Amino acid sequence: MKINENLKERVAQLEQILAGKESMTEAKTSMAMKFQEEYDHVTKDYQRILDLYNKMVVQLRESRNRISELEAEFR
């Protein structure tokens, strides 16, 4: 009977270890998903800012050209 009890204890220990590893795997998966969501959010923000910057560069260039045209007319 002693062998049977030791075997049961060992099985219980292994089940606890397995449960701990499964819990850790779930936590890592959850963390990876959160990181991916945050990365996607940052990437979208970056793209939005880059698009805005490019529009502002175009507007600035057009404004400079218009100022040059007006200065030429004024002379």
PDB file of N, CA and C in Angstrom:
ATOM      1  N   MET A   1       0.808  -1.202   0.000  1.00  0.00           N
ATOM      2  CA  MET A   1       0.000   0.000   0.000  1.00  0.00           C
ATOM      3  C   MET A   1       0.856   1.273   0.000  1.00  0.00           C
ATOM      4  N   LYS A   2       2.032   1.182   0.612  1.00  0.00           N
ATOM      5  CA  LYS A   2       2.929   2.330   0.680  1.00  0.00           C
ATOM      6  C   LYS A   2       3.317   2.802  -0.724  1.00  0.00           C
ATOM      7  N   ILE A   3       3.572   1.857  -1.610  1.00  0.00           N
ATOM      8  CA  ILE A   3       3.924   2.198  -2.991  1.00  0.00           C
ATOM      9  C   ILE A   3       2.756   2.905  -3.658  1.00  0.00           C
ATOM     10  N   ASN A   4       1.553   2.458  -3.423  1.00  0.00           N
ATOM     11  CA  ASN A   4       0.356   3.050  -4.005  1.00  0.00           C
ATOM     12  C   ASN A   4       0.184   4.487  -3.512  1.00  0.00           C
ATOM     13  N   GLU A   5       0.421   4.732  -2.227  1.00  0.00           N
ATOM     14  CA  GLU A   5       0.306   6.085  -1.672  1.00  0.00           C
ATOM     15  C   GLU A   5       1.382   6.995  -2.262  1.00  0.00           C
ATOM     16  N   ASN A   6       2.592   6.489  -2.359  1.00  0.00           N
ATOM     17  CA  ASN A   6       3.679   7.276  -2.962  1.00  0.00           C
ATOM     18  C   ASN A   6       3.370   7.614  -4.414  1.00  0.00           C
ATOM     19  N   LEU A   7       2.808   6.666  -5.116  1.00  0.00           N
ATOM     20  CA  LEU A   7       2.437   6.886  -6.510  1.00  0.00           C
ATOM     21  C   LEU A   7       1.354   7.954  -6.612  1.00  0.00           C
ATOM     22  N   LYS A   8       0.370   7.886  -5.719  1.00  0.00           N
ATOM     23  CA  LYS A   8      -0.702   8.891  -5.715  1.00  0.00           C
ATOM     24  C   LYS A   8      -0.137  10.275  -5.408  1.00  0.00           C
ATOM     25  N   GLU A   9       0.785  10.352  -4.453  1.00  0.00           N
ATOM     26  CA  GLU A   9       1.403  11.634  -4.112  1.00  0.00           C
ATOM     27  C   GLU A   9       2.190  12.185  -5.302  1.00  0.00           C
ATOM     28  N   ARG A  10       2.915  11.309  -5.948  1.00  0.00           N
ATOM     29  CA  ARG A  10       3.716  11.726  -7.104  1.00  0.00           C
ATOM     30  C   ARG A  10       2.821  12.205  -8.246  1.00  0.00           C
ATOM     31  N   VAL A  11       1.724  11.495  -8.484  1.00  0.00           N
ATOM     32  CA  VAL A  11       0.761  11.903  -9.515  1.00  0.00           C
ATOM     33  C   VAL A  11       0.169  13.263  -9.158  1.00  0.00           C
ATOM     34  N   ALA A  12      -0.168  13.465  -7.889  1.00  0.00           N
ATOM     35  CA  ALA A  12      -0.726  14.746  -7.448  1.00  0.00           C
ATOM     36  C   ALA A  12       0.290  15.872  -7.660  1.00  0.00           C
ATOM     37  N   GLN A  13       1.554  15.614  -7.344  1.00  0.00           N
ATOM     38  CA  GLN A  13       2.602  16.614  -7.557  1.00  0.00           C
ATOM     39  C   GLN A  13       2.741  16.953  -9.040  1.00  0.00           C
ATOM     40  N   LEU A  14       2.741  15.939  -9.861  1.00  0.00           N
ATOM     41  CA  LEU A  14       2.865  16.163 -11.304  1.00  0.00           C
ATOM     42  C   LEU A  14       1.668  16.935 -11.853  1.00  0.00           C
ATOM     43  N   GLU A  15       0.483  16.642 -11.339  1.00  0.00           N
ATOM     44  CA  GLU A  15      -0.711  17.378 -11.768  1.00  0.00           C
ATOM     45  C   GLU A  15      -0.607  18.844 -11.362  1.00  0.00           C
ATOM     46  N   GLN A  16      -0.068  19.117 -10.176  1.00  0.00           N
ATOM     47  CA  GLN A  16       0.116  20.503  -9.741  1.00  0.00           C
ATOM     48  C   GLN A  16       1.131  21.222 -10.631  1.00  0.00           C
ATOM     49  N   ILE A  17       2.207  20.521 -10.940  1.00  0.00           N
ATOM     50  CA  ILE A  17       3.217  21.112 -11.825  1.00  0.00           C
ATOM     51  C   ILE A  17       2.610  21.413 -13.189  1.00  0.00           C
ATOM     52  N   LEU A  18       1.852  20.473 -13.709  1.00  0.00           N
ATOM     53  CA  LEU A  18       1.209  20.656 -15.010  1.00  0.00           C
ATOM     54  C   LEU A  18       0.223  21.821 -14.974  1.00  0.00           C
ATOM     55  N   ALA A  19      -0.564  21.910 -13.904  1.00  0.00           N
ATOM     56  CA  ALA A  19      -1.522  23.010 -13.771  1.00  0.00           C
ATOM     57  C   ALA A  19      -0.783  24.347 -13.719  1.00  0.00           C
ATOM     58  N   GLY A  20       0.339  24.388 -13.007  1.00  0.00           N
ATOM     59  CA  GLY A  20       1.133  25.618 -12.939  1.00  0.00           C
ATOM     60  C   GLY A  20       1.681  26.013 -14.294  1.00  0.00           C
ATOM     61  N   LYS A  21       2.150  25.032 -15.041  1.00  0.00           N
ATOM     62  CA  LYS A  21       2.687  25.323 -16.379  1.00  0.00           C
ATOM     63  C   LYS A  21       1.586  25.782 -17.323  1.00  0.00           C
ATOM     64  N   GLU A  22       0.412  25.181 -17.217  1.00  0.00           N
ATOM     65  CA  GLU A  22      -0.715  25.603 -18.056  1.00  0.00           C
ATOM     66  C   GLU A  22      -1.110  27.033 -17.716  1.00  0.00           C
ATOM     67  N   SER A  23      -1.120  27.345 -16.425  1.00  0.00           N
ATOM     68  CA  SER A  23      -1.453  28.701 -15.996  1.00  0.00           C
ATOM     69  C   SER A  23      -0.428  29.701 -16.530  1.00  0.00           C
ATOM     70  N   MET A  24       0.837  29.336 -16.469  1.00  0.00           N
ATOM     71  CA  MET A  24       1.891  30.212 -16.974  1.00  0.00           C
ATOM     72  C   MET A  24       1.763  30.390 -18.483  1.00  0.00           C
ATOM     73  N   THR A  25       1.440  29.331 -19.183  1.00  0.00           N
ATOM     74  CA  THR A  25       1.259  29.410 -20.634  1.00  0.00           C
ATOM     75  C   THR A  25       0.101  30.337 -20.977  1.00  0.00           C
ATOM     76  N   GLU A  26      -0.996  30.230 -20.246  1.00  0.00           N
ATOM     77  CA  GLU A  26      -2.143  31.112 -20.474  1.00  0.00           C
ATOM     78  C   GLU A  26      -1.765  32.565 -20.206  1.00  0.00           C
ATOM     79  N   ALA A  27      -1.000  32.802 -19.138  1.00  0.00           N
ATOM     80  CA  ALA A  27      -0.573  34.169 -18.818  1.00  0.00           C
ATOM     81  C   ALA A  27       0.330  34.725 -19.916  1.00  0.00           C
ATOM     82  N   LYS A  28       1.252  33.902 -20.411  1.00  0.00           N
ATOM     83  CA  LYS A  28       2.140  34.349 -21.489  1.00  0.00           C
ATOM     84  C   LYS A  28       1.356  34.647 -22.757  1.00  0.00           C
ATOM     85  N   THR A  29       0.384  33.802 -23.063  1.00  0.00           N
ATOM     86  CA  THR A  29      -0.441  34.019 -24.252  1.00  0.00           C
ATOM     87  C   THR A  29      -1.230  35.315 -24.123  1.00  0.00           C
ATOM     88  N   SER A  30      -1.801  35.533 -22.956  1.00  0.00           N
ATOM     89  CA  SER A  30      -2.558  36.760 -22.709  1.00  0.00           C
ATOM     90  C   SER A  30      -1.657  37.985 -22.842  1.00  0.00           C
ATOM     91  N   MET A  31      -0.457  37.900 -22.289  1.00  0.00           N
ATOM     92  CA  MET A  31       0.484  39.010 -22.373  1.00  0.00           C
ATOM     93  C   MET A  31       0.885  39.268 -23.819  1.00  0.00           C
ATOM     94  N   ALA A  32       1.120  38.218 -24.570  1.00  0.00           N
ATOM     95  CA  ALA A  32       1.495  38.374 -25.980  1.00  0.00           C
ATOM     96  C   ALA A  32       0.368  39.040 -26.766  1.00  0.00           C
ATOM     97  N   MET A  33      -0.869  38.665 -26.467  1.00  0.00           N
ATOM     98  CA  MET A  33      -2.013  39.280 -27.152  1.00  0.00           C
ATOM     99  C   MET A  33      -2.115  40.763 -26.801  1.00  0.00           C
ATOM    100  N   LYS A  34      -1.888  41.099 -25.528  1.00  0.00           N
ATOM    101  CA  LYS A  34      -1.933  42.510 -25.123  1.00  0.00           C
ATOM    102  C   LYS A  34      -0.826  43.303 -25.798  1.00  0.00           C
ATOM    103  N   PHE A  35       0.375  42.719 -25.863  1.00  0.00           N
ATOM    104  CA  PHE A  35       1.472  43.390 -26.552  1.00  0.00           C
ATOM    105  C   PHE A  35       1.137  43.610 -28.019  1.00  0.00           C
ATOM    106  N   GLN A  36       0.530  42.626 -28.661  1.00  0.00           N
ATOM    107  CA  GLN A  36       0.160  42.754 -30.070  1.00  0.00           C
ATOM    108  C   GLN A  36      -0.871  43.859 -30.258  1.00  0.00           C
ATOM    109  N   GLU A  37      -1.863  43.916 -29.371  1.00  0.00           N
ATOM    110  CA  GLU A  37      -2.881  44.967 -29.453  1.00  0.00           C
ATOM    111  C   GLU A  37      -2.247  46.343 -29.287  1.00  0.00           C
ATOM    112  N   GLU A  38      -1.340  46.474 -28.325  1.00  0.00           N
ATOM    113  CA  GLU A  38      -0.675  47.757 -28.094  1.00  0.00           C
ATOM    114  C   GLU A  38       0.213  48.125 -29.280  1.00  0.00           C
ATOM    115  N   TYR A  39       0.907  47.145 -29.832  1.00  0.00           N
ATOM    116  CA  TYR A  39       1.739  47.384 -31.011  1.00  0.00           C
ATOM    117  C   TYR A  39       0.884  47.873 -32.179  1.00  0.00           C
ATOM    118  N   ASP A  40      -0.256  47.226 -32.395  1.00  0.00           N
ATOM    119  CA  ASP A  40      -1.159  47.642 -33.468  1.00  0.00           C
ATOM    120  C   ASP A  40      -1.637  49.070 -33.246  1.00  0.00           C
ATOM    121  N   HIS A  41      -1.954  49.398 -31.998  1.00  0.00           N
ATOM    122  CA  HIS A  41      -2.423  50.747 -31.665  1.00  0.00           C
ATOM    123  C   HIS A  41      -1.319  51.777 -31.938  1.00  0.00           C
ATOM    124  N   VAL A  42      -0.111  51.488 -31.491  1.00  0.00           N
ATOM    125  CA  VAL A  42       1.008  52.407 -31.701  1.00  0.00           C
ATOM    126  C   VAL A  42       1.307  52.557 -33.191  1.00  0.00           C
ATOM    127  N   THR A  43       1.241  51.459 -33.930  1.00  0.00           N
ATOM    128  CA  THR A  43       1.492  51.502 -35.369  1.00  0.00           C
ATOM    129  C   THR A  43       0.453  52.371 -36.073  1.00  0.00           C
ATOM    130  N   LYS A  44      -0.810  52.226 -35.689  1.00  0.00           N
ATOM    131  CA  LYS A  44      -1.866  53.051 -36.291  1.00  0.00           C
ATOM    132  C   LYS A  44      -1.662  54.522 -35.954  1.00  0.00           C
ATOM    133  N   ASP A  45      -1.300  54.818 -34.695  1.00  0.00           N
ATOM    134  CA  ASP A  45      -1.026  56.203 -34.308  1.00  0.00           C
ATOM    135  C   ASP A  45       0.139  56.774 -35.109  1.00  0.00           C
ATOM    136  N   TYR A  46       1.188  55.985 -35.244  1.00  0.00           N
ATOM    137  CA  TYR A  46       2.356  56.423 -36.011  1.00  0.00           C
ATOM    138  C   TYR A  46       1.965  56.730 -37.452  1.00  0.00           C
ATOM    139  N   GLN A  47       1.184  55.857 -38.065  1.00  0.00           N
ATOM    140  CA  GLN A  47       0.768  56.066 -39.449  1.00  0.00           C
ATOM    141  C   GLN A  47      -0.105  57.311 -39.574  1.00  0.00           C
ATOM    142  N   ARG A  48      -1.000  57.513 -38.598  1.00  0.00           N
ATOM    143  CA  ARG A  48      -1.859  58.695 -38.612  1.00  0.00           C
ATOM    144  C   ARG A  48      -1.019  59.969 -38.504  1.00  0.00           C
ATOM    145  N   ILE A  49      -0.038  59.961 -37.609  1.00  0.00           N
ATOM    146  CA  ILE A  49       0.833  61.128 -37.435  1.00  0.00           C
ATOM    147  C   ILE A  49       1.669  61.360 -38.688  1.00  0.00           C
ATOM    148  N   LEU A  50       2.170  60.296 -39.277  1.00  0.00           N
ATOM    149  CA  LEU A  50       2.958  60.415 -40.501  1.00  0.00           C
ATOM    150  C   LEU A  50       2.116  60.989 -41.637  1.00  0.00           C
ATOM    151  N   ASP A  51       0.884  60.536 -41.767  1.00  0.00           N
ATOM    152  CA  ASP A  51      -0.016  61.071 -42.795  1.00  0.00           C
ATOM    153  C   ASP A  51      -0.278  62.556 -42.561  1.00  0.00           C
ATOM    154  N   LEU A  52      -0.515  62.929 -41.308  1.00  0.00           N
ATOM    155  CA  LEU A  52      -0.753  64.332 -40.971  1.00  0.00           C
ATOM    156  C   LEU A  52       0.481  65.173 -41.292  1.00  0.00           C
ATOM    157  N   TYR A  53       1.636  64.675 -40.930  1.00  0.00           N
ATOM    158  CA  TYR A  53       2.891  65.373 -41.217  1.00  0.00           C
ATOM    159  C   TYR A  53       3.052  65.584 -42.722  1.00  0.00           C
ATOM    160  N   ASN A  54       2.803  64.545 -43.499  1.00  0.00           N
ATOM    161  CA  ASN A  54       2.935  64.663 -44.953  1.00  0.00           C
ATOM    162  C   ASN A  54       1.963  65.688 -45.521  1.00  0.00           C
ATOM    163  N   LYS A  55       0.744  65.727 -45.007  1.00  0.00           N
ATOM    164  CA  LYS A  55      -0.228  66.730 -45.462  1.00  0.00           C
ATOM    165  C   LYS A  55       0.250  68.134 -45.117  1.00  0.00           C
ATOM    166  N   MET A  56       0.824  68.281 -43.935  1.00  0.00           N
ATOM    167  CA  MET A  56       1.317  69.595 -43.522  1.00  0.00           C
ATOM    168  C   MET A  56       2.503  70.032 -44.374  1.00  0.00           C
ATOM    169  N   VAL A  57       3.358  69.100 -44.759  1.00  0.00           N
ATOM    170  CA  VAL A  57       4.489  69.418 -45.634  1.00  0.00           C
ATOM    171  C   VAL A  57       3.972  69.911 -46.979  1.00  0.00           C
ATOM    172  N   VAL A  58       2.965  69.241 -47.506  1.00  0.00           N
ATOM    173  CA  VAL A  58       2.377  69.656 -48.783  1.00  0.00           C
ATOM    174  C   VAL A  58       1.770  71.051 -48.646  1.00  0.00           C
ATOM    175  N   GLN A  59       1.028  71.291 -47.565  1.00  0.00           N
ATOM    176  CA  GLN A  59       0.423  72.609 -47.348  1.00  0.00           C
ATOM    177  C   GLN A  59       1.490  73.692 -47.223  1.00  0.00           C
ATOM    178  N   LEU A  60       2.556  73.381 -46.511  1.00  0.00           N
ATOM    179  CA  LEU A  60       3.640  74.351 -46.350  1.00  0.00           C
ATOM    180  C   LEU A  60       4.285  74.667 -47.696  1.00  0.00           C
ATOM    181  N   ARG A  61       4.525  73.648 -48.495  1.00  0.00           N
ATOM    182  CA  ARG A  61       5.119  73.846 -49.820  1.00  0.00           C
ATOM    183  C   ARG A  61       4.191  74.703 -50.685  1.00  0.00           C
ATOM    184  N   GLU A  62       2.892  74.394 -50.656  1.00  0.00           N
ATOM    185  CA  GLU A  62       1.929  75.175 -51.439  1.00  0.00           C
ATOM    186  C   GLU A  62       1.882  76.619 -50.952  1.00  0.00           C
ATOM    187  N   SER A  63       1.944  76.810 -49.652  1.00  0.00           N
ATOM    188  CA  SER A  63       1.925  78.171 -49.097  1.00  0.00           C
ATOM    189  C   SER A  63       3.169  78.946 -49.511  1.00  0.00           C
ATOM    190  N   ARG A  64       4.316  78.306 -49.466  1.00  0.00           N
ATOM    191  CA  ARG A  64       5.550  78.974 -49.893  1.00  0.00           C
ATOM    192  C   ARG A  64       5.474  79.359 -51.368  1.00  0.00           C
ATOM    193  N   ASN A  65       4.961  78.446 -52.176  1.00  0.00           N
ATOM    194  CA  ASN A  65       4.811  78.752 -53.607  1.00  0.00           C
ATOM    195  C   ASN A  65       3.865  79.927 -53.808  1.00  0.00           C
ATOM    196  N   ARG A  66       2.776  79.933 -53.060  1.00  0.00           N
ATOM    197  CA  ARG A  66       1.796  81.025 -53.189  1.00  0.00           C
ATOM    198  C   ARG A  66       2.409  82.350 -52.737  1.00  0.00           C
ATOM    199  N   ILE A  67       3.193  82.308 -51.671  1.00  0.00           N
ATOM    200  CA  ILE A  67       3.867  83.527 -51.202  1.00  0.00           C
ATOM    201  C   ILE A  67       4.840  84.025 -52.264  1.00  0.00           C
ATOM    202  N   SER A  68       5.574  83.114 -52.865  1.00  0.00           N
ATOM    203  CA  SER A  68       6.514  83.504 -53.935  1.00  0.00           C
ATOM    204  C   SER A  68       5.767  84.134 -55.103  1.00  0.00           C
ATOM    205  N   GLU A  69       4.624  83.558 -55.461  1.00  0.00           N
ATOM    206  CA  GLU A  69       3.816  84.117 -56.551  1.00  0.00           C
ATOM    207  C   GLU A  69       3.331  85.517 -56.202  1.00  0.00           C
ATOM    208  N   LEU A  70       2.858  85.696 -54.974  1.00  0.00           N
ATOM    209  CA  LEU A  70       2.362  87.010 -54.558  1.00  0.00           C
ATOM    210  C   LEU A  70       3.491  88.034 -54.499  1.00  0.00           C
ATOM    211  N   GLU A  71       4.661  87.606 -54.031  1.00  0.00           N
ATOM    212  CA  GLU A  71       5.812  88.521 -54.007  1.00  0.00           C
ATOM    213  C   GLU A  71       6.195  88.927 -55.424  1.00  0.00           C
ATOM    214  N   ALA A  72       6.137  87.964 -56.345  1.00  0.00           N
ATOM    215  CA  ALA A  72       6.477  88.267 -57.740  1.00  0.00           C
ATOM    216  C   ALA A  72       5.472  89.253 -58.323  1.00  0.00           C
ATOM    217  N   GLU A  73       4.199  89.103 -57.995  1.00  0.00           N
ATOM    218  CA  GLU A  73       3.173  90.034 -58.485  1.00  0.00           C
ATOM    219  C   GLU A  73       3.362  91.418 -57.873  1.00  0.00           C
ATOM    220  N   PHE A  74       3.805  91.464 -56.645  1.00  0.00           N
ATOM    221  CA  PHE A  74       3.953  92.722 -55.926  1.00  0.00           C
ATOM    222  C   PHE A  74       5.108  93.550 -56.492  1.00  0.00           C
ATOM    223  N   ARG A  75       6.128  92.892 -57.000  1.00  0.00           N
ATOM    224  CA  ARG A  75       7.297  93.606 -57.537  1.00  0.00           C
ATOM    225  C   ARG A  75       6.954  94.189 -58.830  1.00  0.00           C
TER     226      ARG A  75
END
